[in-house]
Amino acid sequence: MATILGIESSCDETSASVCVDGAILSNVIANQTIHEAYGGVVPELASRVHQQNIVPAVQQALINAKVNKNDIDAVAFTRGPGLLGSLLVGVSFAKAFALAKNIPLIDINHMQAHVLAHFIGDNKPAFPFLCLTVSGGHTQIVLVKDYFDMEVIGQTLDDAAGEAMDKTSKILGLPYPGGPLIDKYARLGNADAYKFPEPQIPGLNFSFSGLKTSILYFIRDHVAADPDFIQKNLNDICASVEKRIATILLNKLAKAAKEYGIKDLALAGGVSANTGLRQGLQALCEKNDWRCFIPKMEYCTDNAAMIAIAGYYKFLKGEFVGQGVAPLARYPFAP
């Protein structure tokens, strides 16, 4: 039995998890509220709060898992991609813990870990499968051939889907973080109230910069005619924007599934917590007799459980790194 301690600190969540023989026994996530006043994550503040949260988060993860620190066989940590200062806190803690206990270190690619979150629990996709990985900074279609044999077959050419949601929330005057609020208001609105364009990008790639611009001009023009337009139509605006973003993503995923002849489709990343996208993927799979895989909500956003499960599979392969390892703000998804 392998007992893995997972550490995640790539952005503004400090998280620790314990995985024993492939089973997640704890997943502690400390969120940062300090960024709300600034309308987005402030890197320097994020790294300082990570320093405050990392020890309590790890301690609580061990308590919840009923595991002693001396029982840990290896430490898995997010090496990148992410905010360099934030990554540095998690990497430094992992290195110190491993050095003190004389146990191996396992470096994890954050985006690969989002994909491997599907191997937490019993309902696992079969290789090969397609994973739509969507977050604030990434939008990718990944062909997953094995645990660490992944190929990006489609990705955004400019902005990510999460950025489009964040930009929309700012245009609408919603507080940070805006993504969950768009989801909330969209549940109350008519998704067909307004039509936004779908970018015509060849192949399996995405583009969201044009959509962001069209939303900006749409709001500008309507507010000029009626200053209360947003307040009167907030639910319908959110529902319509959410539907367009979801259809852009799912149309490309469906195209990839047909091109590659794959029937297991998965969703991962922070934006996979969006209700409209989750329901859309489920409907798409039902229509085409495909199998749908979506992690539990706590494993969608940044969390250490996905780091720990990825670390477990690397542990089985004996893939470790030395104390000279350093964080990488940009970490290639696949060689």
C-alpha atoms as a PDB file:
ATOM      1  CA  MET A   1       0.000   0.000   0.000  1.00  0.00           C
ATOM      2  CA  ALA A   2       1.270   3.442  -0.962  1.00  0.00           C
ATOM      3  CA  THR A   3       0.303   6.488   1.082  1.00  0.00           C
ATOM      4  CA  ILE A   4       0.695   9.715  -0.900  1.00  0.00           C
ATOM      5  CA  LEU A   5       0.487  13.277   0.400  1.00  0.00           C
ATOM      6  CA  GLY A   6      -0.692  15.647  -2.343  1.00  0.00           C
ATOM      7  CA  ILE A   7       0.030  19.396  -2.346  1.00  0.00           C
ATOM      8  CA  GLU A   8      -1.658  21.936  -4.647  1.00  0.00           C
ATOM      9  CA  SER A   9      -0.791  25.662  -4.680  1.00  0.00           C
ATOM     10  CA  SER A  10      -0.852  26.742  -8.334  1.00  0.00           C
ATOM     11  CA  CYS A  11      -3.164  29.757  -7.968  1.00  0.00           C
ATOM     12  CA  ASP A  12      -5.325  30.870  -5.056  1.00  0.00           C
ATOM     13  CA  GLU A  13      -6.344  27.595  -3.415  1.00  0.00           C
ATOM     14  CA  THR A  14      -4.071  25.962  -0.861  1.00  0.00           C
ATOM     15  CA  SER A  15      -4.956  22.284  -0.816  1.00  0.00           C
ATOM     16  CA  ALA A  16      -3.669  19.072   0.744  1.00  0.00           C
ATOM     17  CA  SER A  17      -4.878  15.514   0.276  1.00  0.00           C
ATOM     18  CA  VAL A  18      -4.012  12.007   1.400  1.00  0.00           C
ATOM     19  CA  CYS A  19      -4.321   9.074  -1.005  1.00  0.00           C
ATOM     20  CA  VAL A  20      -3.912   5.499   0.257  1.00  0.00           C
ATOM     21  CA  ASP A  21      -3.626   2.741  -2.331  1.00  0.00           C
ATOM     22  CA  GLY A  22      -5.519   4.797  -4.907  1.00  0.00           C
ATOM     23  CA  ALA A  23      -8.318   5.883  -2.532  1.00  0.00           C
ATOM     24  CA  ILE A  24      -8.685   9.540  -1.517  1.00  0.00           C
ATOM     25  CA  LEU A  25      -9.083   9.737   2.261  1.00  0.00           C
ATOM     26  CA  SER A  26      -9.020  13.529   2.611  1.00  0.00           C
ATOM     27  CA  ASN A  27      -9.104  16.643   0.466  1.00  0.00           C
ATOM     28  CA  VAL A  28      -8.707  19.933   2.321  1.00  0.00           C
ATOM     29  CA  ILE A  29      -9.048  23.171   0.336  1.00  0.00           C
ATOM     30  CA  ALA A  30      -8.321  26.599   1.836  1.00  0.00           C
ATOM     31  CA  ASN A  31      -9.806  29.301  -0.399  1.00  0.00           C
ATOM     32  CA  GLN A  32      -8.515  32.876  -0.457  1.00  0.00           C
ATOM     33  CA  THR A  33     -11.028  35.696  -0.071  1.00  0.00           C
ATOM     34  CA  ILE A  34      -8.438  38.485  -0.042  1.00  0.00           C
ATOM     35  CA  HIS A  35      -8.647  38.854  -3.851  1.00  0.00           C
ATOM     36  CA  GLU A  36     -12.339  39.811  -3.894  1.00  0.00           C
ATOM     37  CA  ALA A  37     -11.510  43.473  -3.268  1.00  0.00           C
ATOM     38  CA  TYR A  38      -9.327  43.568  -6.388  1.00  0.00           C
ATOM     39  CA  GLY A  39     -11.617  41.787  -8.844  1.00  0.00           C
ATOM     40  CA  GLY A  40      -9.062  39.061  -9.578  1.00  0.00           C
ATOM     41  CA  VAL A  41      -6.130  37.116  -8.181  1.00  0.00           C
ATOM     42  CA  VAL A  42      -3.185  39.260  -7.049  1.00  0.00           C
ATOM     43  CA  PRO A  43      -0.116  36.978  -7.335  1.00  0.00           C
ATOM     44  CA  GLU A  44       1.901  38.464  -4.477  1.00  0.00           C
ATOM     45  CA  LEU A  45      -1.045  38.299  -2.086  1.00  0.00           C
ATOM     46  CA  ALA A  46      -1.791  34.730  -3.190  1.00  0.00           C
ATOM     47  CA  SER A  47       1.716  33.522  -2.350  1.00  0.00           C
ATOM     48  CA  ARG A  48       1.602  35.184   1.077  1.00  0.00           C
ATOM     49  CA  VAL A  49      -1.709  33.543   1.945  1.00  0.00           C
ATOM     50  CA  HIS A  50      -0.365  30.175   0.758  1.00  0.00           C
ATOM     51  CA  GLN A  51       2.405  30.572   3.315  1.00  0.00           C
ATOM     52  CA  GLN A  52      -0.223  31.046   6.022  1.00  0.00           C
ATOM     53  CA  ASN A  53      -2.423  28.153   4.881  1.00  0.00           C
ATOM     54  CA  ILE A  54      -0.034  25.397   3.829  1.00  0.00           C
ATOM     55  CA  VAL A  55       0.828  23.940   7.260  1.00  0.00           C
ATOM     56  CA  PRO A  56      -2.765  24.009   8.649  1.00  0.00           C
ATOM     57  CA  ALA A  57      -4.091  22.496   5.392  1.00  0.00           C
ATOM     58  CA  VAL A  58      -1.625  19.603   5.503  1.00  0.00           C
ATOM     59  CA  GLN A  59      -2.234  19.038   9.205  1.00  0.00           C
ATOM     60  CA  GLN A  60      -6.010  18.923   8.664  1.00  0.00           C
ATOM     61  CA  ALA A  61      -5.640  16.559   5.695  1.00  0.00           C
ATOM     62  CA  LEU A  62      -3.647  14.140   7.849  1.00  0.00           C
ATOM     63  CA  ILE A  63      -6.212  14.380  10.658  1.00  0.00           C
ATOM     64  CA  ASN A  64      -9.158  13.827   8.309  1.00  0.00           C
ATOM     65  CA  ALA A  65      -7.456  10.818   6.735  1.00  0.00           C
ATOM     66  CA  LYS A  66      -6.460   9.460  10.156  1.00  0.00           C
ATOM     67  CA  VAL A  67      -2.915   9.104   8.902  1.00  0.00           C
ATOM     68  CA  ASN A  68       0.285   9.959  10.745  1.00  0.00           C
ATOM     69  CA  LYS A  69       2.926  12.021   8.944  1.00  0.00           C
ATOM     70  CA  ASN A  70       5.371   9.163   9.510  1.00  0.00           C
ATOM     71  CA  ASP A  71       3.123   6.905   7.385  1.00  0.00           C
ATOM     72  CA  ILE A  72       3.550   9.014   4.228  1.00  0.00           C
ATOM     73  CA  ASP A  73       5.494   7.145   1.519  1.00  0.00           C
ATOM     74  CA  ALA A  74       5.884  10.019  -0.969  1.00  0.00           C
ATOM     75  CA  VAL A  75       4.912  13.653  -1.503  1.00  0.00           C
ATOM     76  CA  ALA A  76       3.263  14.655  -4.793  1.00  0.00           C
ATOM     77  CA  PHE A  77       3.137  18.365  -5.597  1.00  0.00           C
ATOM     78  CA  THR A  78       2.031  20.692  -8.370  1.00  0.00           C
ATOM     79  CA  ARG A  79       5.146  21.780 -10.223  1.00  0.00           C
ATOM     80  CA  GLY A  80       3.238  23.876 -12.771  1.00  0.00           C
ATOM     81  CA  PRO A  81       1.739  25.539 -14.647  1.00  0.00           C
ATOM     82  CA  GLY A  82       0.612  28.347 -12.375  1.00  0.00           C
ATOM     83  CA  LEU A  83       1.651  31.498 -10.544  1.00  0.00           C
ATOM     84  CA  LEU A  84       5.354  31.169  -9.800  1.00  0.00           C
ATOM     85  CA  GLY A  85       5.159  32.619  -6.288  1.00  0.00           C
ATOM     86  CA  SER A  86       2.247  30.376  -5.366  1.00  0.00           C
ATOM     87  CA  LEU A  87       3.902  27.291  -6.828  1.00  0.00           C
ATOM     88  CA  LEU A  88       7.074  28.082  -4.909  1.00  0.00           C
ATOM     89  CA  VAL A  89       5.257  27.758  -1.579  1.00  0.00           C
ATOM     90  CA  GLY A  90       3.877  24.297  -2.360  1.00  0.00           C
ATOM     91  CA  VAL A  91       7.093  23.035  -3.952  1.00  0.00           C
ATOM     92  CA  SER A  92       9.209  24.292  -1.042  1.00  0.00           C
ATOM     93  CA  PHE A  93       6.924  22.653   1.529  1.00  0.00           C
ATOM     94  CA  ALA A  94       6.903  19.353  -0.396  1.00  0.00           C
ATOM     95  CA  LYS A  95      10.700  19.344  -0.685  1.00  0.00           C
ATOM     96  CA  ALA A  96      11.153  20.123   3.016  1.00  0.00           C
ATOM     97  CA  PHE A  97       8.652  17.446   4.083  1.00  0.00           C
ATOM     98  CA  ALA A  98      10.242  14.825   1.833  1.00  0.00           C
ATOM     99  CA  LEU A  99      13.745  15.738   3.008  1.00  0.00           C
ATOM    100  CA  ALA A 100      12.766  15.562   6.682  1.00  0.00           C
ATOM    101  CA  LYS A 101      11.099  12.164   6.241  1.00  0.00           C
ATOM    102  CA  ASN A 102      13.593  10.821   3.671  1.00  0.00           C
ATOM    103  CA  ILE A 103      10.827   9.925   1.227  1.00  0.00           C
ATOM    104  CA  PRO A 104      10.509  10.446  -2.561  1.00  0.00           C
ATOM    105  CA  LEU A 105       9.189  13.536  -4.335  1.00  0.00           C
ATOM    106  CA  ILE A 106       6.741  13.313  -7.260  1.00  0.00           C
ATOM    107  CA  ASP A 107       6.238  16.324  -9.544  1.00  0.00           C
ATOM    108  CA  ILE A 108       2.798  16.694 -11.154  1.00  0.00           C
ATOM    109  CA  ASN A 109       1.575  18.695 -14.131  1.00  0.00           C
ATOM    110  CA  HIS A 110      -1.499  20.561 -12.912  1.00  0.00           C
ATOM    111  CA  MET A 111      -3.441  20.131 -16.172  1.00  0.00           C
ATOM    112  CA  GLN A 112      -2.687  16.410 -16.378  1.00  0.00           C
ATOM    113  CA  ALA A 113      -3.932  16.104 -12.805  1.00  0.00           C
ATOM    114  CA  HIS A 114      -7.277  17.626 -13.814  1.00  0.00           C
ATOM    115  CA  VAL A 115      -7.635  14.797 -16.334  1.00  0.00           C
ATOM    116  CA  LEU A 116      -6.605  12.148 -13.812  1.00  0.00           C
ATOM    117  CA  ALA A 117      -9.260  13.380 -11.358  1.00  0.00           C
ATOM    118  CA  HIS A 118     -11.523  10.987 -13.275  1.00  0.00           C
ATOM    119  CA  PHE A 119      -9.714   8.089 -11.596  1.00  0.00           C
ATOM    120  CA  ILE A 120     -10.901   9.094  -8.145  1.00  0.00           C
ATOM    121  CA  GLY A 121     -13.686   6.707  -7.169  1.00  0.00           C
ATOM    122  CA  ASP A 122     -15.181   3.776  -9.032  1.00  0.00           C
ATOM    123  CA  ASN A 123     -16.656   5.316 -12.197  1.00  0.00           C
ATOM    124  CA  LYS A 124     -13.564   5.539 -14.411  1.00  0.00           C
ATOM    125  CA  PRO A 125     -13.331   6.100 -18.183  1.00  0.00           C
ATOM    126  CA  ALA A 126     -11.621   3.496 -20.350  1.00  0.00           C
ATOM    127  CA  PHE A 127      -8.527   4.267 -22.415  1.00  0.00           C
ATOM    128  CA  PRO A 128      -8.495   5.881 -24.875  1.00  0.00           C
ATOM    129  CA  PHE A 129     -10.932   8.661 -23.977  1.00  0.00           C
ATOM    130  CA  LEU A 130     -11.366  12.340 -24.760  1.00  0.00           C
ATOM    131  CA  CYS A 131     -11.212  14.946 -22.020  1.00  0.00           C
ATOM    132  CA  LEU A 132     -12.417  18.513 -22.448  1.00  0.00           C
ATOM    133  CA  THR A 133     -10.247  20.433 -19.992  1.00  0.00           C
ATOM    134  CA  VAL A 134     -11.582  23.915 -19.331  1.00  0.00           C
ATOM    135  CA  SER A 135     -10.284  26.467 -16.831  1.00  0.00           C
ATOM    136  CA  GLY A 136      -9.601  30.160 -16.469  1.00  0.00           C
ATOM    137  CA  GLY A 137      -6.355  29.839 -18.378  1.00  0.00           C
ATOM    138  CA  HIS A 138      -6.743  26.675 -20.458  1.00  0.00           C
ATOM    139  CA  THR A 139      -9.187  25.225 -22.969  1.00  0.00           C
ATOM    140  CA  GLN A 140      -8.067  21.902 -24.423  1.00  0.00           C
ATOM    141  CA  ILE A 141      -9.351  18.689 -25.948  1.00  0.00           C
ATOM    142  CA  VAL A 142      -7.045  15.937 -24.746  1.00  0.00           C
ATOM    143  CA  LEU A 143      -6.724  12.453 -26.229  1.00  0.00           C
ATOM    144  CA  VAL A 144      -5.918  10.317 -23.190  1.00  0.00           C
ATOM    145  CA  LYS A 145      -4.237   7.070 -24.208  1.00  0.00           C
ATOM    146  CA  ASP A 146      -2.892   6.129 -20.774  1.00  0.00           C
ATOM    147  CA  TYR A 147      -2.367   7.718 -17.366  1.00  0.00           C
ATOM    148  CA  PHE A 148       0.538   9.844 -18.580  1.00  0.00           C
ATOM    149  CA  ASP A 149       0.259   9.359 -22.330  1.00  0.00           C
ATOM    150  CA  MET A 150      -1.867  12.347 -23.341  1.00  0.00           C
ATOM    151  CA  GLU A 151      -2.036  14.403 -26.518  1.00  0.00           C
ATOM    152  CA  VAL A 152      -3.621  17.824 -26.920  1.00  0.00           C
ATOM    153  CA  ILE A 153      -5.590  17.581 -30.184  1.00  0.00           C
ATOM    154  CA  GLY A 154      -7.406  20.911 -29.862  1.00  0.00           C
ATOM    155  CA  GLN A 155      -6.861  24.083 -27.859  1.00  0.00           C
ATOM    156  CA  THR A 156      -7.709  27.750 -27.710  1.00  0.00           C
ATOM    157  CA  LEU A 157      -5.868  30.028 -30.095  1.00  0.00           C
ATOM    158  CA  ASP A 158      -6.302  33.046 -27.816  1.00  0.00           C
ATOM    159  CA  ASP A 159      -8.453  33.349 -24.712  1.00  0.00           C
ATOM    160  CA  ALA A 160      -9.745  30.474 -22.586  1.00  0.00           C
ATOM    161  CA  ALA A 161     -13.417  29.753 -21.955  1.00  0.00           C
ATOM    162  CA  GLY A 162     -12.984  30.697 -18.311  1.00  0.00           C
ATOM    163  CA  GLU A 163     -11.589  34.075 -19.347  1.00  0.00           C
ATOM    164  CA  ALA A 164     -14.703  34.675 -21.463  1.00  0.00           C
ATOM    165  CA  MET A 165     -16.881  34.041 -18.409  1.00  0.00           C
ATOM    166  CA  ASP A 166     -14.707  36.217 -16.186  1.00  0.00           C
ATOM    167  CA  LYS A 167     -14.761  39.056 -18.722  1.00  0.00           C
ATOM    168  CA  THR A 168     -18.538  38.789 -19.060  1.00  0.00           C
ATOM    169  CA  SER A 169     -18.974  38.979 -15.295  1.00  0.00           C
ATOM    170  CA  LYS A 170     -16.873  42.159 -15.167  1.00  0.00           C
ATOM    171  CA  ILE A 171     -18.818  43.733 -18.022  1.00  0.00           C
ATOM    172  CA  LEU A 172     -22.028  42.974 -16.114  1.00  0.00           C
ATOM    173  CA  GLY A 173     -20.612  44.486 -12.934  1.00  0.00           C
ATOM    174  CA  LEU A 174     -20.672  41.230 -10.972  1.00  0.00           C
ATOM    175  CA  PRO A 175     -18.283  40.800  -8.035  1.00  0.00           C
ATOM    176  CA  TYR A 176     -15.304  38.426  -8.165  1.00  0.00           C
ATOM    177  CA  PRO A 177     -15.383  35.492  -8.690  1.00  0.00           C
ATOM    178  CA  GLY A 178     -17.983  35.955 -11.422  1.00  0.00           C
ATOM    179  CA  GLY A 179     -18.150  32.429 -12.850  1.00  0.00           C
ATOM    180  CA  PRO A 180     -20.329  30.944 -10.081  1.00  0.00           C
ATOM    181  CA  LEU A 181     -22.628  33.993 -10.246  1.00  0.00           C
ATOM    182  CA  ILE A 182     -23.126  33.609 -14.005  1.00  0.00           C
ATOM    183  CA  ASP A 183     -24.013  29.971 -13.330  1.00  0.00           C
ATOM    184  CA  LYS A 184     -26.450  31.019 -10.596  1.00  0.00           C
ATOM    185  CA  TYR A 185     -28.257  33.649 -12.666  1.00  0.00           C
ATOM    186  CA  ALA A 186     -28.260  31.475 -15.791  1.00  0.00           C
ATOM    187  CA  ARG A 187     -30.410  28.919 -13.989  1.00  0.00           C
ATOM    188  CA  LEU A 188     -33.132  31.583 -13.750  1.00  0.00           C
ATOM    189  CA  GLY A 189     -32.895  32.880 -17.320  1.00  0.00           C
ATOM    190  CA  ASN A 190     -33.869  32.056 -20.894  1.00  0.00           C
ATOM    191  CA  ALA A 191     -30.812  30.711 -22.730  1.00  0.00           C
ATOM    192  CA  ASP A 192     -32.360  31.569 -26.104  1.00  0.00           C
ATOM    193  CA  ALA A 193     -33.119  35.200 -25.246  1.00  0.00           C
ATOM    194  CA  TYR A 194     -30.021  36.548 -27.014  1.00  0.00           C
ATOM    195  CA  LYS A 195     -27.882  35.102 -29.790  1.00  0.00           C
ATOM    196  CA  PHE A 196     -24.103  35.428 -29.650  1.00  0.00           C
ATOM    197  CA  PRO A 197     -21.850  34.341 -32.531  1.00  0.00           C
ATOM    198  CA  GLU A 198     -20.037  31.014 -32.687  1.00  0.00           C
ATOM    199  CA  PRO A 199     -16.445  31.442 -33.956  1.00  0.00           C
ATOM    200  CA  GLN A 200     -15.760  29.488 -37.138  1.00  0.00           C
ATOM    201  CA  ILE A 201     -12.338  28.057 -36.303  1.00  0.00           C
ATOM    202  CA  PRO A 202     -11.058  25.178 -38.456  1.00  0.00           C
ATOM    203  CA  GLY A 203     -10.144  21.831 -36.968  1.00  0.00           C
ATOM    204  CA  LEU A 204     -10.539  21.173 -33.258  1.00  0.00           C
ATOM    205  CA  ASN A 205      -9.179  24.495 -31.970  1.00  0.00           C
ATOM    206  CA  PHE A 206     -11.130  27.203 -30.137  1.00  0.00           C
ATOM    207  CA  SER A 207     -11.259  30.981 -30.054  1.00  0.00           C
ATOM    208  CA  PHE A 208     -13.032  33.149 -27.491  1.00  0.00           C
ATOM    209  CA  SER A 209     -11.588  36.609 -28.113  1.00  0.00           C
ATOM    210  CA  GLY A 210     -14.248  37.445 -30.709  1.00  0.00           C
ATOM    211  CA  LEU A 211     -17.027  36.244 -28.430  1.00  0.00           C
ATOM    212  CA  LYS A 212     -15.752  38.476 -25.609  1.00  0.00           C
ATOM    213  CA  THR A 213     -15.757  41.452 -27.970  1.00  0.00           C
ATOM    214  CA  SER A 214     -19.279  40.746 -29.223  1.00  0.00           C
ATOM    215  CA  ILE A 215     -20.577  40.525 -25.638  1.00  0.00           C
ATOM    216  CA  LEU A 216     -18.856  43.818 -24.804  1.00  0.00           C
ATOM    217  CA  TYR A 217     -20.443  45.623 -27.762  1.00  0.00           C
ATOM    218  CA  PHE A 218     -23.816  43.991 -27.119  1.00  0.00           C
ATOM    219  CA  ILE A 219     -23.905  45.274 -23.538  1.00  0.00           C
ATOM    220  CA  ARG A 220     -22.530  48.691 -24.525  1.00  0.00           C
ATOM    221  CA  ASP A 221     -25.184  49.265 -27.192  1.00  0.00           C
ATOM    222  CA  HIS A 222     -28.112  48.061 -25.093  1.00  0.00           C
ATOM    223  CA  VAL A 223     -27.045  50.034 -22.018  1.00  0.00           C
ATOM    224  CA  ALA A 224     -26.755  53.147 -24.182  1.00  0.00           C
ATOM    225  CA  ALA A 225     -30.399  52.689 -25.158  1.00  0.00           C
ATOM    226  CA  ASP A 226     -31.534  51.665 -21.662  1.00  0.00           C
ATOM    227  CA  PRO A 227     -29.263  52.301 -18.641  1.00  0.00           C
ATOM    228  CA  ASP A 228     -31.168  49.631 -16.675  1.00  0.00           C
ATOM    229  CA  PHE A 229     -30.776  46.963 -19.359  1.00  0.00           C
ATOM    230  CA  ILE A 230     -28.404  44.763 -17.355  1.00  0.00           C
ATOM    231  CA  GLN A 231     -30.479  44.916 -14.203  1.00  0.00           C
ATOM    232  CA  LYS A 232     -33.682  44.077 -16.089  1.00  0.00           C
ATOM    233  CA  ASN A 233     -32.225  41.229 -18.131  1.00  0.00           C
ATOM    234  CA  LEU A 234     -29.347  39.834 -16.040  1.00  0.00           C
ATOM    235  CA  ASN A 235     -30.682  36.271 -15.872  1.00  0.00           C
ATOM    236  CA  ASP A 236     -31.307  36.049 -19.624  1.00  0.00           C
ATOM    237  CA  ILE A 237     -27.900  37.561 -20.455  1.00  0.00           C
ATOM    238  CA  CYS A 238     -26.085  35.081 -18.224  1.00  0.00           C
ATOM    239  CA  ALA A 239     -28.084  32.148 -19.588  1.00  0.00           C
ATOM    240  CA  SER A 240     -27.450  33.166 -23.208  1.00  0.00           C
ATOM    241  CA  VAL A 241     -23.712  33.695 -22.696  1.00  0.00           C
ATOM    242  CA  GLU A 242     -23.366  30.425 -20.815  1.00  0.00           C
ATOM    243  CA  LYS A 243     -25.201  28.525 -23.560  1.00  0.00           C
ATOM    244  CA  ARG A 244     -22.972  29.956 -26.304  1.00  0.00           C
ATOM    245  CA  ILE A 245     -19.764  29.128 -24.441  1.00  0.00           C
ATOM    246  CA  ALA A 246     -21.028  25.605 -23.750  1.00  0.00           C
ATOM    247  CA  THR A 247     -22.058  25.000 -27.368  1.00  0.00           C
ATOM    248  CA  ILE A 248     -18.680  26.216 -28.662  1.00  0.00           C
ATOM    249  CA  LEU A 249     -16.944  23.733 -26.368  1.00  0.00           C
ATOM    250  CA  LEU A 250     -19.273  20.792 -26.916  1.00  0.00           C
ATOM    251  CA  ASN A 251     -19.514  21.144 -30.693  1.00  0.00           C
ATOM    252  CA  LYS A 252     -15.746  20.782 -30.948  1.00  0.00           C
ATOM    253  CA  LEU A 253     -15.717  17.877 -28.496  1.00  0.00           C
ATOM    254  CA  ALA A 254     -18.411  16.084 -30.507  1.00  0.00           C
ATOM    255  CA  LYS A 255     -16.406  16.663 -33.680  1.00  0.00           C
ATOM    256  CA  ALA A 256     -13.324  15.157 -32.033  1.00  0.00           C
ATOM    257  CA  ALA A 257     -15.280  12.147 -30.784  1.00  0.00           C
ATOM    258  CA  LYS A 258     -16.525  11.387 -34.294  1.00  0.00           C
ATOM    259  CA  GLU A 259     -13.121  11.944 -35.917  1.00  0.00           C
ATOM    260  CA  TYR A 260     -11.331   9.643 -33.468  1.00  0.00           C
ATOM    261  CA  GLY A 261     -14.163   7.143 -33.006  1.00  0.00           C
ATOM    262  CA  ILE A 262     -14.114   7.487 -29.214  1.00  0.00           C
ATOM    263  CA  LYS A 263     -17.220   6.986 -27.075  1.00  0.00           C
ATOM    264  CA  ASP A 264     -15.892   7.875 -23.604  1.00  0.00           C
ATOM    265  CA  LEU A 265     -16.053  11.659 -23.091  1.00  0.00           C
ATOM    266  CA  ALA A 266     -14.876  13.440 -19.957  1.00  0.00           C
ATOM    267  CA  LEU A 267     -14.946  16.963 -18.559  1.00  0.00           C
ATOM    268  CA  ALA A 268     -12.307  18.518 -16.291  1.00  0.00           C
ATOM    269  CA  GLY A 269     -10.971  21.833 -14.982  1.00  0.00           C
ATOM    270  CA  GLY A 270     -12.515  24.659 -13.002  1.00  0.00           C
ATOM    271  CA  VAL A 271     -15.148  25.547 -15.603  1.00  0.00           C
ATOM    272  CA  SER A 272     -16.364  21.929 -15.513  1.00  0.00           C
ATOM    273  CA  ALA A 273     -18.203  22.994 -12.351  1.00  0.00           C
ATOM    274  CA  ASN A 274     -20.548  25.061 -14.546  1.00  0.00           C
ATOM    275  CA  THR A 275     -24.049  23.575 -14.487  1.00  0.00           C
ATOM    276  CA  GLY A 276     -24.899  24.401 -18.100  1.00  0.00           C
ATOM    277  CA  LEU A 277     -21.717  22.765 -19.409  1.00  0.00           C
ATOM    278  CA  ARG A 278     -22.217  19.660 -17.274  1.00  0.00           C
ATOM    279  CA  GLN A 279     -25.828  19.281 -18.389  1.00  0.00           C
ATOM    280  CA  GLY A 280     -24.843  19.945 -21.991  1.00  0.00           C
ATOM    281  CA  LEU A 281     -22.237  17.183 -22.004  1.00  0.00           C
ATOM    282  CA  GLN A 282     -24.673  14.748 -20.431  1.00  0.00           C
ATOM    283  CA  ALA A 283     -27.294  15.557 -23.088  1.00  0.00           C
ATOM    284  CA  LEU A 284     -24.706  15.241 -25.880  1.00  0.00           C
ATOM    285  CA  CYS A 285     -23.623  11.822 -24.664  1.00  0.00           C
ATOM    286  CA  GLU A 286     -27.182  10.574 -24.270  1.00  0.00           C
ATOM    287  CA  LYS A 287     -28.016  11.700 -27.809  1.00  0.00           C
ATOM    288  CA  ASN A 288     -25.031   9.878 -29.336  1.00  0.00           C
ATOM    289  CA  ASP A 289     -24.939   6.855 -27.010  1.00  0.00           C
ATOM    290  CA  TRP A 290     -21.576   7.930 -25.592  1.00  0.00           C
ATOM    291  CA  ARG A 291     -20.406   7.501 -22.008  1.00  0.00           C
ATOM    292  CA  CYS A 292     -20.117  10.695 -19.959  1.00  0.00           C
ATOM    293  CA  PHE A 293     -17.631  11.265 -17.129  1.00  0.00           C
ATOM    294  CA  ILE A 294     -17.672  14.350 -14.886  1.00  0.00           C
ATOM    295  CA  PRO A 295     -15.807  14.504 -11.555  1.00  0.00           C
ATOM    296  CA  LYS A 296     -17.546  15.386  -8.322  1.00  0.00           C
ATOM    297  CA  MET A 297     -17.715  19.140  -7.784  1.00  0.00           C
ATOM    298  CA  GLU A 298     -14.893  19.156  -5.207  1.00  0.00           C
ATOM    299  CA  TYR A 299     -12.549  17.585  -7.785  1.00  0.00           C
ATOM    300  CA  CYS A 300     -13.388  20.064 -10.571  1.00  0.00           C
ATOM    301  CA  THR A 301     -11.787  23.195  -9.177  1.00  0.00           C
ATOM    302  CA  ASP A 302      -8.129  23.246  -8.097  1.00  0.00           C
ATOM    303  CA  ASN A 303      -7.630  20.599  -5.418  1.00  0.00           C
ATOM    304  CA  ALA A 304      -4.926  18.331  -4.026  1.00  0.00           C
ATOM    305  CA  ALA A 305      -6.909  15.102  -4.448  1.00  0.00           C
ATOM    306  CA  MET A 306      -6.188  15.165  -8.178  1.00  0.00           C
ATOM    307  CA  ILE A 307      -2.498  15.784  -7.385  1.00  0.00           C
ATOM    308  CA  ALA A 308      -2.464  12.865  -4.945  1.00  0.00           C
ATOM    309  CA  ILE A 309      -4.139  10.425  -7.365  1.00  0.00           C
ATOM    310  CA  ALA A 310      -1.732  11.458 -10.136  1.00  0.00           C
ATOM    311  CA  GLY A 311       1.103  11.002  -7.667  1.00  0.00           C
ATOM    312  CA  TYR A 312      -0.152   7.520  -6.824  1.00  0.00           C
ATOM    313  CA  TYR A 313       0.066   6.387 -10.447  1.00  0.00           C
ATOM    314  CA  LYS A 314       3.531   7.918 -10.798  1.00  0.00           C
ATOM    315  CA  PHE A 315       4.570   6.205  -7.558  1.00  0.00           C
ATOM    316  CA  LEU A 316       3.602   2.847  -9.044  1.00  0.00           C
ATOM    317  CA  LYS A 317       5.902   3.612 -11.987  1.00  0.00           C
ATOM    318  CA  GLY A 318       8.728   4.757  -9.718  1.00  0.00           C
ATOM    319  CA  GLU A 319       8.886   8.214 -11.321  1.00  0.00           C
ATOM    320  CA  PHE A 320      10.475  10.508  -8.740  1.00  0.00           C
ATOM    321  CA  VAL A 321      12.398  13.805  -8.805  1.00  0.00           C
ATOM    322  CA  GLY A 322      15.277  15.082  -6.706  1.00  0.00           C
ATOM    323  CA  GLN A 323      15.608  17.979  -4.292  1.00  0.00           C
ATOM    324  CA  GLY A 324      16.873  20.194  -7.100  1.00  0.00           C
ATOM    325  CA  VAL A 325      13.410  20.369  -8.686  1.00  0.00           C
ATOM    326  CA  ALA A 326      11.996  23.880  -9.234  1.00  0.00           C
ATOM    327  CA  PRO A 327       8.494  25.149 -10.033  1.00  0.00           C
ATOM    328  CA  LEU A 328       7.572  26.029 -13.610  1.00  0.00           C
ATOM    329  CA  ALA A 329       5.113  28.827 -14.349  1.00  0.00           C
ATOM    330  CA  ARG A 330       4.740  27.308 -17.828  1.00  0.00           C
ATOM    331  CA  TYR A 331       4.799  23.526 -17.880  1.00  0.00           C
ATOM    332  CA  PRO A 332       4.224  21.785 -21.251  1.00  0.00           C
ATOM    333  CA  PHE A 333       1.193  19.509 -21.066  1.00  0.00           C
ATOM    334  CA  ALA A 334       2.875  16.730 -23.024  1.00  0.00           C
ATOM    335  CA  PRO A 335       6.328  16.211 -24.547  1.00  0.00           C
END
